[in-house]
Protein backbone atom coordinates (compact mmCIF):
# COMPACT_ATOMS: atom_id res chain seq x y z
CA MET A 1 18.37 -6.73 -7.42
CA PRO A 2 15.50 -9.05 -8.47
CA ALA A 3 15.67 -12.80 -7.95
CA SER A 4 17.14 -14.83 -10.79
CA LYS A 5 14.74 -16.43 -13.27
CA GLU A 6 15.75 -19.91 -12.06
CA HIS A 7 15.30 -19.08 -8.36
CA TYR A 8 11.95 -17.42 -9.05
CA ARG A 9 10.70 -20.42 -11.06
CA GLU A 10 11.75 -22.83 -8.28
CA ALA A 11 9.99 -20.70 -5.68
CA MET A 12 6.82 -20.53 -7.80
CA ALA A 13 6.83 -24.34 -8.11
CA ARG A 14 6.14 -24.40 -4.38
CA LEU A 15 3.02 -22.28 -4.73
CA GLY A 16 0.22 -24.80 -5.27
CA ALA A 17 -2.44 -23.75 -7.74
CA ALA A 18 -5.53 -25.05 -9.51
CA VAL A 19 -4.96 -26.45 -12.99
CA ASN A 20 -6.98 -24.63 -15.65
CA VAL A 21 -7.49 -25.01 -19.37
CA ILE A 22 -8.28 -21.61 -20.86
CA THR A 23 -10.30 -21.80 -24.09
CA THR A 24 -11.65 -19.43 -26.73
CA ASP A 25 -13.62 -19.51 -29.96
CA GLY A 26 -14.74 -16.88 -32.44
CA PRO A 27 -13.44 -15.06 -35.52
CA GLY A 28 -9.83 -15.77 -34.47
CA GLY A 29 -10.47 -19.52 -34.28
CA ARG A 30 -10.76 -22.12 -31.56
CA ALA A 31 -7.76 -22.35 -29.24
CA GLY A 32 -6.68 -23.08 -25.69
CA PHE A 33 -3.78 -23.22 -23.26
CA THR A 34 -3.04 -24.52 -19.76
CA ALA A 35 -2.61 -22.00 -16.94
CA SER A 36 -2.28 -21.88 -13.20
CA ALA A 37 -2.05 -18.07 -13.16
CA VAL A 38 -5.75 -17.35 -12.61
CA CYS A 39 -7.06 -15.20 -9.78
CA SER A 40 -10.25 -13.55 -8.59
CA VAL A 41 -10.11 -9.75 -8.80
CA THR A 42 -13.53 -8.59 -7.56
CA ASP A 43 -17.12 -9.79 -7.29
CA THR A 44 -18.63 -6.44 -8.37
CA PRO A 45 -18.58 -6.86 -11.30
CA PRO A 46 -17.47 -10.51 -11.18
CA THR A 47 -13.94 -10.29 -12.59
CA LEU A 48 -10.95 -12.58 -12.70
CA LEU A 49 -7.53 -12.35 -14.24
CA VAL A 50 -5.70 -14.80 -16.48
CA CYS A 51 -2.02 -14.51 -17.38
CA ALA A 52 -1.19 -15.53 -20.95
CA ASN A 53 2.24 -15.86 -22.55
CA ARG A 54 2.33 -13.77 -25.73
CA GLY A 55 4.56 -16.45 -27.33
CA ASN A 56 1.92 -19.16 -26.87
CA ASP A 57 0.59 -20.63 -30.14
CA SER A 58 -3.01 -19.90 -29.10
CA TYR A 59 -2.41 -16.28 -28.02
CA PRO A 60 -3.53 -14.59 -31.29
CA ALA A 61 -6.95 -16.27 -31.12
CA PHE A 62 -7.59 -14.87 -27.62
CA ILE A 63 -6.75 -11.34 -28.73
CA ALA A 64 -8.98 -11.64 -31.80
CA ASN A 65 -11.93 -13.31 -30.01
CA ARG A 66 -11.92 -11.26 -26.78
CA VAL A 67 -13.75 -14.11 -24.98
CA LEU A 68 -12.46 -17.00 -22.92
CA CYS A 69 -13.51 -19.73 -20.55
CA VAL A 70 -11.46 -20.73 -17.51
CA ASN A 71 -12.05 -24.48 -17.13
CA THR A 72 -10.76 -25.64 -13.75
CA LEU A 73 -9.81 -29.29 -14.05
CA ALA A 74 -11.02 -32.09 -11.83
CA PRO A 75 -8.65 -35.08 -11.60
CA THR A 76 -10.53 -36.75 -14.49
CA GLY A 77 -9.29 -33.92 -16.73
CA GLU A 78 -5.60 -34.16 -15.78
CA HIS A 79 -4.75 -35.57 -19.25
CA LEU A 80 -5.87 -32.24 -20.78
CA SER A 81 -3.21 -30.21 -18.97
CA PRO A 82 -0.14 -31.37 -20.99
CA LEU A 83 -2.25 -31.47 -24.14
CA PHE A 84 -3.27 -27.81 -23.92
CA ALA A 85 0.19 -26.85 -22.63
CA GLY A 86 1.51 -27.84 -26.06
CA LEU A 87 3.58 -30.72 -24.67
CA THR A 88 2.23 -33.15 -27.28
CA ASP A 89 2.20 -33.21 -31.08
CA HIS A 90 -1.50 -32.37 -31.26
CA PRO A 91 -2.35 -29.26 -33.31
CA ILE A 92 -4.53 -26.69 -31.53
CA GLU A 93 -7.89 -27.86 -32.93
CA ALA A 94 -7.15 -31.56 -32.25
CA ARG A 95 -6.60 -30.82 -28.55
CA PHE A 96 -10.37 -30.45 -28.20
CA ASP A 97 -11.00 -34.03 -29.39
CA SER A 98 -10.00 -35.48 -25.99
CA ALA A 99 -13.01 -34.18 -24.02
CA ASP A 100 -16.66 -33.18 -24.24
CA TRP A 101 -17.37 -29.46 -24.62
CA ILE A 102 -20.48 -27.31 -24.33
CA GLN A 103 -21.08 -23.59 -24.88
CA LEU A 104 -22.58 -20.93 -22.64
CA ALA A 105 -22.98 -17.16 -23.14
CA THR A 106 -19.75 -16.23 -24.97
CA GLY A 107 -19.36 -19.25 -27.25
CA ALA A 108 -15.98 -20.17 -25.74
CA PRO A 109 -15.63 -23.95 -25.24
CA VAL A 110 -16.71 -25.07 -21.76
CA LEU A 111 -15.36 -28.38 -20.49
CA ALA A 112 -18.47 -30.42 -19.67
CA ASP A 113 -16.92 -32.12 -16.63
CA ALA A 114 -14.85 -29.20 -15.30
CA ALA A 115 -14.85 -28.72 -11.54
CA VAL A 116 -15.98 -25.18 -12.38
CA ALA A 117 -15.92 -23.06 -15.52
CA PHE A 118 -15.97 -19.26 -15.80
CA ASP A 119 -17.33 -18.01 -19.14
CA CYS A 120 -15.86 -14.53 -19.67
CA ARG A 121 -15.39 -11.50 -21.89
CA ILE A 122 -11.92 -9.96 -21.91
CA ASP A 123 -12.38 -6.40 -20.64
CA GLN A 124 -8.76 -5.18 -20.35
CA VAL A 125 -5.32 -6.41 -21.38
CA VAL A 126 -2.18 -5.29 -19.54
CA SER A 127 1.31 -6.28 -20.76
CA VAL A 128 3.91 -7.32 -18.16
CA GLY A 129 7.20 -8.83 -19.31
CA THR A 130 6.55 -11.86 -21.54
CA HIS A 131 2.86 -12.10 -20.60
CA ASP A 132 -0.41 -10.27 -20.94
CA VAL A 133 -2.81 -10.12 -18.03
CA PHE A 134 -6.39 -10.51 -19.23
CA PHE A 135 -8.94 -8.89 -16.92
CA CYS A 136 -12.13 -10.81 -17.62
CA VAL A 137 -15.73 -10.07 -16.71
CA VAL A 138 -17.52 -13.31 -15.84
CA GLU A 139 -20.73 -13.65 -17.86
CA THR A 140 -21.78 -16.97 -16.33
CA THR A 141 -20.40 -20.01 -14.53
CA HIS A 142 -20.79 -23.77 -14.90
CA LEU A 143 -20.51 -25.75 -11.66
CA GLY A 144 -19.38 -29.36 -11.89
CA PRO A 145 -19.91 -31.95 -9.16
CA LEU A 146 -18.25 -31.12 -5.86
CA HIS A 147 -15.98 -34.12 -5.38
CA GLU A 148 -12.24 -33.85 -6.05
CA GLY A 149 -10.00 -31.04 -7.21
CA LEU A 150 -6.66 -30.98 -8.98
CA ILE A 151 -3.70 -28.81 -8.05
CA TYR A 152 -0.20 -28.47 -9.42
CA TYR A 153 2.49 -28.30 -6.73
CA ALA A 154 6.24 -29.03 -6.84
CA ARG A 155 5.99 -29.80 -10.57
CA ALA A 156 3.45 -32.60 -10.05
CA TYR A 157 -0.33 -33.05 -10.05
CA HIS A 158 -2.10 -33.74 -6.76
CA ARG A 159 -5.70 -34.70 -6.10
CA ILE A 160 -7.48 -32.94 -3.32
CA THR A 161 -10.64 -34.30 -1.79
CA ARG A 162 -13.49 -32.63 -0.04
CA PRO A 163 -13.40 -33.26 3.72
CA GLY A 164 -16.17 -35.37 5.15
C-alpha cells in the first residue's frame, strides 16, 4: 500500500531542493510557476526534467509554447518564489514586473540575476498523476555570479554560501 498523501508530503518537505522559477513565452503567452522538482537527466544531449502541475494557471502556456527557462533563484530572488507560486493576487503577466528579464535562444524569459538559468525546448511530455514531466533539451545556459544559493527545506527558505 502506498504512503498517504500527507505522509508523503511531510517526507518530501525534508528533501532540500533548489528554488526555481520556470518561465515561458510565445504564442501561448508569457507565464511562469515556482518549482523545486527539477533534475538533470543526461548531458548528451543536455537534458533536464521539470515537473508541472496540470492544474497550474500557467500550464496551458507551456504546452502551447513548448519552450521554457529554469531560473534557479539566488537569495536576492526569494521574493519571486511565492509570487510565481500564485500565493499573491498578482495576475500572471504582472508577476514579471518584480525583476529584470533578458532573452536567450528560445525567447523564454531569463531572470537576469538568477544563480543559473537553463534555456530549453520541451522535447517530451509524460503524464504522471496530477503532473506532467517535461523533458527539456537545454539550448543554452546563463551563469550568474557564484556567491549564494537558495534552497527550500522543511517548508522554509535557506541561504547556502560557497565555502571559502
